[in-house]
Amino acid sequence: MHTKSQRIFRGIRVATLGSLCVVASFALGIHTAGDIAPIASLQADGPAREGDMNDDSTVNIQDVIEILEIVRGNTQTTAHHLRVDPNTDGQLTIDDAIHLLQTLAAL
């Protein structure tokens, strides 16, 4: 079982990562989810690690930033991006960045 201090630390990590996502979103100019058009699915093949957007064999905050760059339109979506879609819905949106942050916070 986790001690009380471990649970508090985990909560702080989740809050910090969540805050980072919100700040990064606004810094990139994302003001509402309604302004974001979903990206159509591409045919993708081969095994890949869910959430590893930059294909460096690890999932970290850089992958969240990559998602936000795609959502904002600063980076083109590739078949690889869709193959590692964090919430596996075939679209890359702000929800994927939040999902990935929650996954990272749970580690």
C-alpha atoms as a PDB file:
ATOM      1  CA  MET A   1       0.000   0.000   0.000  1.00  0.00           C
ATOM      2  CA  HIS A   2       1.051   3.568  -0.544  1.00  0.00           C
ATOM      3  CA  THR A   3       1.753   5.786   2.416  1.00  0.00           C
ATOM      4  CA  LYS A   4      -0.120   9.026   2.885  1.00  0.00           C
ATOM      5  CA  SER A   5       2.923  11.058   1.800  1.00  0.00           C
ATOM      6  CA  GLN A   6       3.258   8.944  -1.370  1.00  0.00           C
ATOM      7  CA  ARG A   7      -0.399   9.573  -2.221  1.00  0.00           C
ATOM      8  CA  ILE A   8       0.040  13.295  -1.616  1.00  0.00           C
ATOM      9  CA  PHE A   9       3.172  13.364  -3.798  1.00  0.00           C
ATOM     10  CA  ARG A  10       1.301  11.489  -6.545  1.00  0.00           C
ATOM     11  CA  GLY A  11      -1.539  14.016  -6.338  1.00  0.00           C
ATOM     12  CA  ILE A  12       0.923  16.872  -6.634  1.00  0.00           C
ATOM     13  CA  ARG A  13       2.483  15.218  -9.700  1.00  0.00           C
ATOM     14  CA  VAL A  14      -0.935  14.838 -11.346  1.00  0.00           C
ATOM     15  CA  ALA A  15      -1.836  18.446 -10.594  1.00  0.00           C
ATOM     16  CA  THR A  16       1.523  19.684 -11.898  1.00  0.00           C
ATOM     17  CA  LEU A  17       1.273  17.715 -15.142  1.00  0.00           C
ATOM     18  CA  GLY A  18      -2.337  18.820 -15.613  1.00  0.00           C
ATOM     19  CA  SER A  19      -1.368  22.449 -15.081  1.00  0.00           C
ATOM     20  CA  LEU A  20       1.477  22.083 -17.560  1.00  0.00           C
ATOM     21  CA  CYS A  21      -0.976  20.777 -20.159  1.00  0.00           C
ATOM     22  CA  VAL A  22      -3.328  23.715 -19.665  1.00  0.00           C
ATOM     23  CA  VAL A  23      -0.504  26.269 -19.805  1.00  0.00           C
ATOM     24  CA  ALA A  24       1.022  24.647 -22.881  1.00  0.00           C
ATOM     25  CA  SER A  25      -2.372  24.572 -24.599  1.00  0.00           C
ATOM     26  CA  PHE A  26      -2.957  28.259 -24.111  1.00  0.00           C
ATOM     27  CA  ALA A  27       0.641  29.055 -25.018  1.00  0.00           C
ATOM     28  CA  LEU A  28       0.026  27.317 -28.336  1.00  0.00           C
ATOM     29  CA  GLY A  29      -3.140  29.312 -28.883  1.00  0.00           C
ATOM     30  CA  ILE A  30      -5.716  26.656 -28.103  1.00  0.00           C
ATOM     31  CA  HIS A  31      -8.583  28.503 -26.490  1.00  0.00           C
ATOM     32  CA  THR A  32     -11.474  26.095 -26.926  1.00  0.00           C
ATOM     33  CA  ALA A  33     -11.801  22.458 -27.936  1.00  0.00           C
ATOM     34  CA  GLY A  34     -14.522  23.492 -30.403  1.00  0.00           C
ATOM     35  CA  ASP A  35     -11.939  25.235 -32.569  1.00  0.00           C
ATOM     36  CA  ILE A  36      -9.956  22.025 -33.050  1.00  0.00           C
ATOM     37  CA  ALA A  37     -10.875  19.922 -36.051  1.00  0.00           C
ATOM     38  CA  PRO A  38     -10.170  16.187 -35.613  1.00  0.00           C
ATOM     39  CA  ILE A  39      -7.650  14.607 -37.938  1.00  0.00           C
ATOM     40  CA  ALA A  40      -8.911  11.822 -40.165  1.00  0.00           C
ATOM     41  CA  SER A  41      -7.466   8.365 -39.578  1.00  0.00           C
ATOM     42  CA  LEU A  42      -4.735   7.043 -41.828  1.00  0.00           C
ATOM     43  CA  GLN A  43      -3.999   3.398 -42.478  1.00  0.00           C
ATOM     44  CA  ALA A  44      -1.158   2.496 -40.117  1.00  0.00           C
ATOM     45  CA  ASP A  45       0.629  -0.793 -39.629  1.00  0.00           C
ATOM     46  CA  GLY A  46       3.277  -2.346 -37.417  1.00  0.00           C
ATOM     47  CA  PRO A  47       3.712  -2.497 -33.654  1.00  0.00           C
ATOM     48  CA  ALA A  48       4.364   0.734 -31.785  1.00  0.00           C
ATOM     49  CA  ARG A  49       4.199   1.935 -28.182  1.00  0.00           C
ATOM     50  CA  GLU A  50       0.973   3.782 -27.370  1.00  0.00           C
ATOM     51  CA  GLY A  51       1.714   7.483 -26.795  1.00  0.00           C
ATOM     52  CA  ASP A  52       5.277   7.429 -28.185  1.00  0.00           C
ATOM     53  CA  MET A  53       4.635  10.252 -30.645  1.00  0.00           C
ATOM     54  CA  ASN A  54       8.288  11.039 -31.433  1.00  0.00           C
ATOM     55  CA  ASP A  55       9.254   7.341 -31.786  1.00  0.00           C
ATOM     56  CA  ASP A  56      12.120   7.476 -29.279  1.00  0.00           C
ATOM     57  CA  SER A  57      10.983   4.270 -27.507  1.00  0.00           C
ATOM     58  CA  THR A  58       9.868   6.141 -24.390  1.00  0.00           C
ATOM     59  CA  VAL A  59       6.712   8.004 -23.436  1.00  0.00           C
ATOM     60  CA  ASN A  60       7.366  11.337 -21.722  1.00  0.00           C
ATOM     61  CA  ILE A  61       6.400  15.015 -21.708  1.00  0.00           C
ATOM     62  CA  GLN A  62       7.999  15.472 -25.155  1.00  0.00           C
ATOM     63  CA  ASP A  63       5.262  13.248 -26.574  1.00  0.00           C
ATOM     64  CA  VAL A  64       2.593  15.469 -24.982  1.00  0.00           C
ATOM     65  CA  ILE A  65       4.217  18.513 -26.572  1.00  0.00           C
ATOM     66  CA  GLU A  66       4.246  16.699 -29.952  1.00  0.00           C
ATOM     67  CA  ILE A  67       0.485  16.097 -29.642  1.00  0.00           C
ATOM     68  CA  LEU A  68      -0.120  19.757 -28.809  1.00  0.00           C
ATOM     69  CA  GLU A  69       1.968  20.796 -31.844  1.00  0.00           C
ATOM     70  CA  ILE A  70      -0.156  18.520 -34.051  1.00  0.00           C
ATOM     71  CA  VAL A  71      -3.423  19.816 -32.583  1.00  0.00           C
ATOM     72  CA  ARG A  72      -2.312  23.407 -33.135  1.00  0.00           C
ATOM     73  CA  GLY A  73      -1.365  22.623 -36.751  1.00  0.00           C
ATOM     74  CA  ASN A  74       2.355  23.265 -36.357  1.00  0.00           C
ATOM     75  CA  THR A  75       3.263  19.625 -37.105  1.00  0.00           C
ATOM     76  CA  GLN A  76       1.849  17.352 -39.803  1.00  0.00           C
ATOM     77  CA  THR A  77       0.188  14.145 -38.652  1.00  0.00           C
ATOM     78  CA  THR A  78       1.811  10.942 -39.874  1.00  0.00           C
ATOM     79  CA  ALA A  79       0.681   7.332 -39.930  1.00  0.00           C
ATOM     80  CA  HIS A  80       2.996   6.739 -36.968  1.00  0.00           C
ATOM     81  CA  HIS A  81       1.222   9.433 -34.925  1.00  0.00           C
ATOM     82  CA  LEU A  82      -2.132   7.793 -35.501  1.00  0.00           C
ATOM     83  CA  ARG A  83      -0.732   4.325 -34.811  1.00  0.00           C
ATOM     84  CA  VAL A  84       0.356   5.446 -31.311  1.00  0.00           C
ATOM     85  CA  ASP A  85      -2.783   7.536 -30.609  1.00  0.00           C
ATOM     86  CA  PRO A  86      -2.952   7.597 -26.778  1.00  0.00           C
ATOM     87  CA  ASN A  87      -6.701   7.062 -26.480  1.00  0.00           C
ATOM     88  CA  THR A  88      -6.919   4.919 -29.661  1.00  0.00           C
ATOM     89  CA  ASP A  89      -9.839   6.837 -31.200  1.00  0.00           C
ATOM     90  CA  GLY A  90      -8.022   7.485 -34.498  1.00  0.00           C
ATOM     91  CA  GLN A  91      -7.912  11.263 -33.963  1.00  0.00           C
ATOM     92  CA  LEU A  92      -5.337  13.475 -32.283  1.00  0.00           C
ATOM     93  CA  THR A  93      -6.963  16.090 -30.060  1.00  0.00           C
ATOM     94  CA  ILE A  94      -6.343  17.829 -26.747  1.00  0.00           C
ATOM     95  CA  ASP A  95      -7.977  14.792 -25.105  1.00  0.00           C
ATOM     96  CA  ASP A  96      -4.969  12.708 -26.207  1.00  0.00           C
ATOM     97  CA  ALA A  97      -2.570  15.122 -24.492  1.00  0.00           C
ATOM     98  CA  ILE A  98      -4.627  14.962 -21.294  1.00  0.00           C
ATOM     99  CA  HIS A  99      -4.834  11.154 -21.488  1.00  0.00           C
ATOM    100  CA  LEU A 100      -1.066  10.916 -21.905  1.00  0.00           C
ATOM    101  CA  LEU A 101      -0.472  13.294 -18.976  1.00  0.00           C
ATOM    102  CA  GLN A 102      -2.703  11.143 -16.781  1.00  0.00           C
ATOM    103  CA  THR A 103      -0.773   8.056 -17.873  1.00  0.00           C
ATOM    104  CA  LEU A 104       2.545   9.712 -17.069  1.00  0.00           C
ATOM    105  CA  ALA A 105       1.297  10.860 -13.684  1.00  0.00           C
ATOM    106  CA  ALA A 106       0.316   7.283 -12.790  1.00  0.00           C
ATOM    107  CA  LEU A 107       3.868   6.005 -13.361  1.00  0.00           C
END
